[in-house]
Amino acid sequence: MDEQKGHGIPDSLLKEVKELTRKFFALPYEEKIKIKMSPAKGYRGYQRIGENITKGVPDIHEAIDVGFTTHRCFQYPIISALHMLDQHTWLVCYKELKPGDYGDLGKTMEGCNQWPLDPPKFMDTMEDYINQCTNLSRKIMRGIALALGGSPYEFEGDRAGNAFWVTRIIGYPGKPCENGHDKPTNDVGWYRTNSILVLPLYFITGYIVIDLLSFLFMSSLSNKSSGPHTDYGLLTLVNQDDDITALQVRNHSGEWISAPPIPGAFVCNIGDMLKIYSNGLYESTLHQVINNSTKFRVSVAYFYETNFDTAVEPLDICKQKTGSAKKFERAVYGEHLVSKVLTNFV
């Protein structure tokens, strides 16, 4: 893990994407659910609290996932009549794949990115941000290639010349104050503080409360906003709130240490594919998020990946540096991603 400044992306843009993220998550649930994530939509869109699973335990955050776009798709927002059964709470976007681009390998991830219409300019701002993160990541990977003793273009062409990417726009609920009077400004924090009042109200009004009961149960299992995990691809750029320390990284001694935010800087994480390419010279960053603040925390994570269908295996130059033995087996990035997606989402 490293923190990067002097990266060339305007500080005003870093702040704007976080502000738009905060505005989106402040919308009523009925608005956010218009772009609900589902398998039919390529696992893109808004995900409610508890739908992301880390090692069997639901995470306490909400997010939007978005991804690489090769064509423009029209949106037909629909409010689900059964929205009370859903627990989505983030926005996820992937590089969009046209039907048939990668055959059966890409079928799970085919779909249109779902962008909210409110707040205004959300899509345009995020797409500008994603393009700039893509260019920055390519430059960082050229530096890493040189550091490994290869050509600066080692991670281009068949490896990452058509790099897949993922953008995850995340909101982490705040923790209720101990005195019970103050409450964080997000729905889940309110539920935690007022569950004794909410449960009877839901029963009286006839609403289905399975999702609420599930959340109250799962939040008793873990205090982690996002459980320990590594990222899937090459490199991750994390743009996090400047005033909340919640991200933690495990060091070589097995201790969890905080990664305090530096205004204007990205936290850079190494992913699983770079670990394989480097034959272990670069270790994928094991990290987690614990938001002990009473404030709602936002984070925009951009994931720079290999080409979707790339078969990743240790580079010859890295095998030479590590005793010539190949420490990792060949892995197809798209297969790795799909397996993670299918096990990480309820």
Protein backbone atom coordinates (compact mmCIF):
# COMPACT_ATOMS: atom_id res chain seq x y z
CA MET A 1 0.00 0.00 0.00
CA ASP A 2 1.18 3.53 -0.77
CA GLU A 3 -0.30 7.04 -0.79
CA GLN A 4 0.22 9.09 -3.93
CA LYS A 5 0.16 12.87 -4.42
CA GLY A 6 1.37 14.84 -7.44
CA HIS A 7 -0.68 12.48 -9.60
CA GLY A 8 -2.10 15.13 -11.94
CA ILE A 9 -5.80 14.65 -11.19
CA PRO A 10 -7.23 17.98 -9.96
CA ASP A 11 -8.02 18.13 -6.27
CA SER A 12 -11.31 19.81 -7.21
CA LEU A 13 -12.34 16.65 -9.11
CA LEU A 14 -11.39 14.38 -6.19
CA LYS A 15 -13.62 16.45 -3.93
CA GLU A 16 -16.47 16.69 -6.44
CA VAL A 17 -16.82 12.92 -6.88
CA LYS A 18 -16.96 12.47 -3.11
CA GLU A 19 -19.55 15.22 -2.77
CA LEU A 20 -21.72 13.69 -5.51
CA THR A 21 -21.36 10.32 -3.79
CA ARG A 22 -22.54 11.80 -0.51
CA LYS A 23 -25.53 13.43 -2.22
CA PHE A 24 -26.53 10.16 -3.88
CA PHE A 25 -26.44 8.15 -0.65
CA ALA A 26 -28.46 10.88 1.10
CA LEU A 27 -31.36 10.29 -1.32
CA PRO A 28 -34.44 8.36 -0.16
CA TYR A 29 -34.18 4.62 -0.62
CA GLU A 30 -36.95 4.72 -3.23
CA GLU A 31 -34.71 6.88 -5.43
CA LYS A 32 -31.58 4.77 -4.99
CA ILE A 33 -33.40 1.52 -5.74
CA LYS A 34 -34.21 2.79 -9.25
CA ILE A 35 -30.76 1.58 -10.26
CA LYS A 36 -30.77 -1.60 -8.17
CA MET A 37 -28.05 -4.15 -8.90
CA SER A 38 -29.11 -7.57 -10.16
CA PRO A 39 -27.58 -10.55 -12.02
CA ALA A 40 -29.67 -9.62 -15.08
CA LYS A 41 -27.89 -6.25 -15.16
CA GLY A 42 -24.39 -7.71 -14.98
CA TYR A 43 -24.09 -7.03 -11.24
CA ARG A 44 -23.99 -3.28 -11.92
CA GLY A 45 -25.78 -0.60 -9.95
CA TYR A 46 -26.85 0.22 -6.42
CA GLN A 47 -26.24 -2.30 -3.68
CA ARG A 48 -27.84 -2.04 -0.29
CA ILE A 49 -26.22 -2.71 3.09
CA GLY A 50 -25.41 -6.35 3.73
CA GLU A 51 -25.45 -7.58 0.13
CA ASN A 52 -21.68 -7.66 -0.20
CA ILE A 53 -20.21 -10.69 1.53
CA THR A 54 -16.64 -10.97 2.78
CA LYS A 55 -15.67 -14.47 3.95
CA GLY A 56 -19.28 -15.31 4.79
CA VAL A 57 -20.08 -12.14 6.76
CA PRO A 58 -22.17 -9.29 5.26
CA ASP A 59 -20.37 -5.94 5.08
CA ILE A 60 -21.95 -2.84 6.62
CA HIS A 61 -21.74 -0.37 3.77
CA GLU A 62 -23.66 0.75 0.71
CA ALA A 63 -22.17 1.28 -2.72
CA ILE A 64 -22.48 1.84 -6.45
CA ASP A 65 -20.44 -0.35 -8.80
CA VAL A 66 -19.73 0.91 -12.30
CA GLY A 67 -17.47 -0.49 -15.00
CA PHE A 68 -15.76 -0.07 -18.36
CA THR A 69 -18.08 1.14 -21.13
CA THR A 70 -17.81 0.09 -24.76
CA HIS A 71 -21.26 1.34 -25.76
CA ARG A 72 -23.94 3.65 -24.43
CA CYS A 73 -27.02 2.00 -22.91
CA PHE A 74 -30.40 3.55 -22.21
CA GLN A 75 -31.82 3.36 -18.72
CA TYR A 76 -35.38 2.44 -17.77
CA PRO A 77 -35.51 2.93 -14.01
CA ILE A 78 -38.09 0.74 -12.28
CA ILE A 79 -39.03 0.86 -8.61
CA SER A 80 -39.40 -2.66 -7.27
CA ALA A 81 -42.61 -3.31 -5.36
CA LEU A 82 -40.61 -5.73 -3.21
CA HIS A 83 -37.81 -3.30 -2.39
CA MET A 84 -38.15 -4.01 1.33
CA LEU A 85 -36.66 -7.46 0.66
CA ASP A 86 -33.50 -5.98 -0.85
CA GLN A 87 -30.38 -4.95 1.03
CA HIS A 88 -28.35 -3.15 -1.63
CA THR A 89 -26.31 -0.24 -0.51
CA TRP A 90 -23.56 0.78 -2.92
CA LEU A 91 -23.09 1.57 -6.62
CA VAL A 92 -20.94 -0.72 -8.76
CA CYS A 93 -19.88 -0.13 -12.37
CA TYR A 94 -17.73 -2.30 -14.60
CA LYS A 95 -16.25 -1.82 -18.02
CA GLU A 96 -19.28 -2.67 -20.09
CA LEU A 97 -19.07 -5.78 -22.23
CA LYS A 98 -21.15 -6.18 -25.37
CA PRO A 99 -23.05 -9.47 -25.63
CA GLY A 100 -20.71 -12.09 -27.03
CA ASP A 101 -17.49 -10.08 -26.57
CA TYR A 102 -15.92 -12.85 -24.51
CA GLY A 103 -18.33 -15.74 -25.06
CA ASP A 104 -19.30 -17.71 -21.97
CA LEU A 105 -16.43 -16.13 -20.01
CA GLY A 106 -17.96 -12.66 -20.15
CA LYS A 107 -21.65 -13.58 -20.05
CA THR A 108 -22.06 -12.97 -16.29
CA MET A 109 -20.65 -9.45 -16.59
CA GLU A 110 -22.58 -8.34 -19.68
CA GLY A 111 -24.88 -5.41 -19.02
CA CYS A 112 -25.31 -1.65 -18.95
CA ASN A 113 -23.88 0.53 -16.23
CA GLN A 114 -26.68 2.14 -14.27
CA TRP A 115 -26.15 5.80 -13.45
CA PRO A 116 -28.43 7.82 -11.17
CA LEU A 117 -30.23 10.79 -12.72
CA ASP A 118 -29.98 12.57 -9.38
CA PRO A 119 -27.70 14.26 -8.41
CA PRO A 120 -27.29 16.07 -11.74
CA LYS A 121 -24.04 15.56 -13.70
CA PHE A 122 -23.26 12.42 -11.70
CA MET A 123 -22.53 10.28 -14.76
CA ASP A 124 -20.52 12.92 -16.65
CA THR A 125 -18.37 13.72 -13.63
CA MET A 126 -17.74 10.08 -12.78
CA GLU A 127 -16.86 9.18 -16.37
CA ASP A 128 -14.34 12.04 -16.49
CA TYR A 129 -12.90 10.85 -13.18
CA ILE A 130 -12.70 7.24 -14.39
CA ASN A 131 -10.90 8.26 -17.59
CA GLN A 132 -8.33 10.22 -15.60
CA CYS A 133 -7.84 7.32 -13.16
CA THR A 134 -7.32 4.98 -16.12
CA ASN A 135 -4.58 7.19 -17.55
CA LEU A 136 -2.94 7.59 -14.15
CA SER A 137 -3.02 3.85 -13.46
CA ARG A 138 -1.41 3.11 -16.81
CA LYS A 139 1.45 5.45 -15.91
CA ILE A 140 1.87 3.88 -12.47
CA MET A 141 1.97 0.41 -14.03
CA ARG A 142 4.71 1.57 -16.40
CA GLY A 143 6.74 2.65 -13.39
CA ILE A 144 6.13 -0.71 -11.70
CA ALA A 145 7.23 -2.52 -14.88
CA LEU A 146 10.51 -0.60 -14.88
CA ALA A 147 11.01 -1.34 -11.18
CA LEU A 148 10.65 -5.06 -11.94
CA GLY A 149 13.38 -4.78 -14.57
CA GLY A 150 11.16 -4.97 -17.64
CA SER A 151 10.02 -2.68 -20.42
CA PRO A 152 7.75 0.20 -19.37
CA TYR A 153 5.10 -1.40 -21.61
CA GLU A 154 5.29 -4.82 -19.92
CA PHE A 155 1.68 -4.51 -18.72
CA GLU A 156 0.17 -3.34 -22.01
CA GLY A 157 -0.71 -5.18 -25.23
CA ASP A 158 -2.12 -8.64 -24.53
CA ARG A 159 -1.76 -8.15 -20.76
CA ALA A 160 -3.51 -4.83 -20.09
CA GLY A 161 -3.60 -2.91 -23.36
CA ASN A 162 -7.40 -3.04 -23.21
CA ALA A 163 -7.55 -2.92 -19.43
CA PHE A 164 -10.80 -3.86 -17.74
CA TRP A 165 -11.76 -1.57 -14.88
CA VAL A 166 -14.21 -1.39 -12.01
CA THR A 167 -15.36 1.64 -10.05
CA ARG A 168 -17.01 1.13 -6.69
CA ILE A 169 -18.71 4.13 -5.08
CA ILE A 170 -19.18 3.30 -1.41
CA GLY A 171 -20.95 4.71 1.64
CA TYR A 172 -20.12 3.49 5.15
CA PRO A 173 -22.70 4.19 7.89
CA GLY A 174 -21.52 6.00 10.99
CA LYS A 175 -21.55 4.49 14.44
CA PRO A 176 -24.27 5.67 16.88
CA CYS A 177 -23.06 7.88 19.73
CA GLU A 178 -22.81 6.18 23.11
CA ASN A 179 -25.24 8.58 24.76
CA GLY A 180 -27.96 7.44 22.37
CA HIS A 181 -29.08 11.00 21.62
CA ASP A 182 -27.04 11.83 18.56
CA LYS A 183 -27.33 9.66 15.48
CA PRO A 184 -25.37 9.46 12.24
CA THR A 185 -26.96 10.95 9.15
CA ASN A 186 -27.72 7.71 7.30
CA ASP A 187 -30.56 5.18 7.34
CA VAL A 188 -28.64 2.28 8.83
CA GLY A 189 -27.24 4.26 11.71
CA TRP A 190 -30.79 5.40 12.44
CA TYR A 191 -32.03 1.79 12.45
CA ARG A 192 -29.27 0.79 14.85
CA THR A 193 -30.18 3.59 17.25
CA ASN A 194 -33.96 3.25 17.00
CA SER A 195 -34.57 -0.45 16.30
CA ILE A 196 -36.84 -0.86 19.35
CA LEU A 197 -39.21 1.72 17.86
CA VAL A 198 -38.83 0.64 14.24
CA LEU A 199 -39.65 -3.06 14.58
CA PRO A 200 -43.15 -2.63 16.09
CA LEU A 201 -43.89 0.11 13.56
CA TYR A 202 -43.03 -2.18 10.67
CA PHE A 203 -45.20 -4.98 12.05
CA ILE A 204 -48.13 -2.62 12.68
CA THR A 205 -48.01 -1.13 9.17
CA GLY A 206 -47.73 -4.56 7.57
CA TYR A 207 -44.32 -4.10 5.95
CA ILE A 208 -42.03 -7.06 5.52
CA VAL A 209 -39.21 -6.82 8.06
CA ILE A 210 -37.01 -9.71 7.00
CA ASP A 211 -34.38 -7.33 5.63
CA LEU A 212 -34.31 -5.24 8.80
CA LEU A 213 -34.10 -8.28 11.06
CA SER A 214 -31.33 -9.68 8.87
CA PHE A 215 -29.38 -6.46 9.13
CA LEU A 216 -29.75 -6.24 12.91
CA PHE A 217 -28.57 -9.85 13.17
CA MET A 218 -25.62 -9.47 10.81
CA SER A 219 -24.47 -6.23 12.41
CA SER A 220 -24.19 -8.16 15.66
CA LEU A 221 -21.78 -10.57 13.94
CA SER A 222 -19.22 -8.02 12.84
CA ASN A 223 -18.33 -4.40 13.41
CA LYS A 224 -16.47 -4.25 10.11
CA SER A 225 -17.77 -1.91 7.44
CA SER A 226 -15.82 -4.08 4.99
CA GLY A 227 -14.15 -7.31 6.07
CA PRO A 228 -10.53 -8.31 5.38
CA HIS A 229 -9.88 -8.84 1.67
CA THR A 230 -7.49 -8.26 -1.20
CA ASP A 231 -8.43 -6.65 -4.51
CA TYR A 232 -8.79 -8.72 -7.67
CA GLY A 233 -6.73 -6.95 -10.32
CA LEU A 234 -3.52 -5.00 -10.78
CA LEU A 235 -3.89 -1.73 -8.93
CA THR A 236 -6.53 0.14 -6.90
CA LEU A 237 -6.78 3.91 -6.41
CA VAL A 238 -8.80 4.81 -3.31
CA ASN A 239 -10.20 8.34 -2.97
CA GLN A 240 -11.49 8.51 0.63
CA ASP A 241 -12.90 11.14 2.98
CA ASP A 242 -10.18 13.43 4.34
CA ASP A 243 -11.45 13.60 7.93
CA ILE A 244 -12.24 9.97 8.85
CA THR A 245 -9.64 7.26 9.48
CA ALA A 246 -11.30 3.90 8.80
CA LEU A 247 -9.11 2.02 6.30
CA GLN A 248 -6.74 -0.51 7.87
CA VAL A 249 -3.94 -2.57 6.32
CA ARG A 250 -2.31 -5.68 7.75
CA ASN A 251 1.49 -5.46 7.92
CA HIS A 252 4.05 -8.28 7.70
CA SER A 253 3.82 -8.78 11.46
CA GLY A 254 0.12 -9.55 11.17
CA GLU A 255 -0.92 -6.29 12.85
CA TRP A 256 -3.73 -4.11 11.56
CA ILE A 257 -2.50 -0.54 11.09
CA SER A 258 -4.55 2.50 10.10
CA ALA A 259 -4.07 4.28 6.79
CA PRO A 260 -4.95 7.88 7.71
CA PRO A 261 -6.24 9.89 4.74
CA ILE A 262 -3.97 12.54 3.23
CA PRO A 263 -5.98 15.30 1.51
CA GLY A 264 -5.49 15.19 -2.25
CA ALA A 265 -3.78 11.78 -2.16
CA PHE A 266 -4.83 8.34 -3.35
CA VAL A 267 -4.28 5.20 -1.34
CA CYS A 268 -2.82 2.68 -3.82
CA ASN A 269 -3.39 -1.04 -3.23
CA ILE A 270 -1.68 -3.89 -5.06
CA GLY A 271 -4.11 -6.51 -6.40
CA ASP A 272 -4.07 -10.29 -6.88
CA MET A 273 -3.09 -10.20 -10.57
CA LEU A 274 0.01 -8.07 -9.94
CA LYS A 275 1.03 -10.48 -7.18
CA ILE A 276 0.93 -13.31 -9.73
CA TYR A 277 2.72 -11.35 -12.47
CA SER A 278 5.50 -10.37 -10.05
CA ASN A 279 5.78 -13.94 -8.69
CA GLY A 280 5.23 -12.58 -5.20
CA LEU A 281 7.66 -9.65 -5.38
CA TYR A 282 4.59 -7.47 -4.93
CA GLU A 283 2.14 -8.69 -2.30
CA SER A 284 -1.57 -7.96 -2.74
CA THR A 285 -2.70 -5.66 0.05
CA LEU A 286 -4.87 -7.26 2.73
CA HIS A 287 -7.11 -4.50 4.04
CA GLN A 288 -10.40 -3.84 5.82
CA VAL A 289 -12.60 -0.89 6.78
CA ILE A 290 -13.91 -0.16 10.28
CA ASN A 291 -15.80 3.11 10.53
CA ASN A 292 -15.87 3.98 14.23
CA SER A 293 -16.79 7.59 13.47
CA THR A 294 -20.35 8.84 13.95
CA LYS A 295 -20.09 10.37 10.46
CA PHE A 296 -21.18 8.74 7.22
CA ARG A 297 -17.96 7.94 5.33
CA VAL A 298 -17.64 7.85 1.55
CA SER A 299 -14.96 6.31 -0.61
CA VAL A 300 -14.55 6.02 -4.39
CA ALA A 301 -12.36 3.06 -5.36
CA TYR A 302 -11.08 2.68 -8.92
CA PHE A 303 -9.73 -0.77 -9.86
CA TYR A 304 -7.32 -1.05 -12.80
CA GLU A 305 -7.29 -4.61 -14.11
CA THR A 306 -5.76 -6.70 -16.90
CA ASN A 307 -7.59 -7.36 -20.16
CA PHE A 308 -10.72 -9.33 -19.30
CA ASP A 309 -9.57 -12.52 -21.04
CA THR A 310 -5.87 -12.33 -20.14
CA ALA A 311 -4.21 -15.46 -18.79
CA VAL A 312 -2.03 -14.16 -15.96
CA GLU A 313 1.13 -15.99 -14.90
CA PRO A 314 4.51 -14.96 -13.44
CA LEU A 315 6.70 -12.91 -15.77
CA ASP A 316 10.05 -14.42 -16.75
CA ILE A 317 11.92 -11.40 -15.36
CA CYS A 318 10.19 -11.92 -12.01
CA LYS A 319 10.88 -15.66 -11.92
CA GLN A 320 14.56 -14.89 -12.42
CA LYS A 321 14.50 -12.56 -9.43
CA THR A 322 12.80 -15.16 -7.23
CA GLY A 323 14.88 -18.26 -7.92
CA SER A 324 13.36 -19.25 -11.30
CA ALA A 325 10.50 -21.24 -9.75
CA LYS A 326 6.93 -20.27 -10.65
CA LYS A 327 5.15 -19.63 -7.33
CA PHE A 328 1.66 -19.15 -8.75
CA GLU A 329 -0.41 -21.04 -11.26
CA ARG A 330 -1.86 -19.44 -14.37
CA ALA A 331 -5.14 -17.56 -13.75
CA VAL A 332 -7.57 -16.08 -16.27
CA TYR A 333 -8.58 -12.66 -14.95
CA GLY A 334 -12.21 -12.87 -16.13
CA GLU A 335 -12.68 -16.23 -14.41
CA HIS A 336 -11.14 -14.84 -11.22
CA LEU A 337 -13.43 -11.78 -11.31
CA VAL A 338 -16.60 -13.76 -12.00
CA SER A 339 -15.85 -16.23 -9.19
CA LYS A 340 -15.41 -13.31 -6.78
CA VAL A 341 -18.57 -11.54 -7.96
CA LEU A 342 -20.69 -14.69 -7.62
CA THR A 343 -19.47 -15.34 -4.07
CA ASN A 344 -19.40 -11.71 -2.86
CA PHE A 345 -22.98 -10.69 -3.66
CA VAL A 346 -26.09 -12.12 -2.05
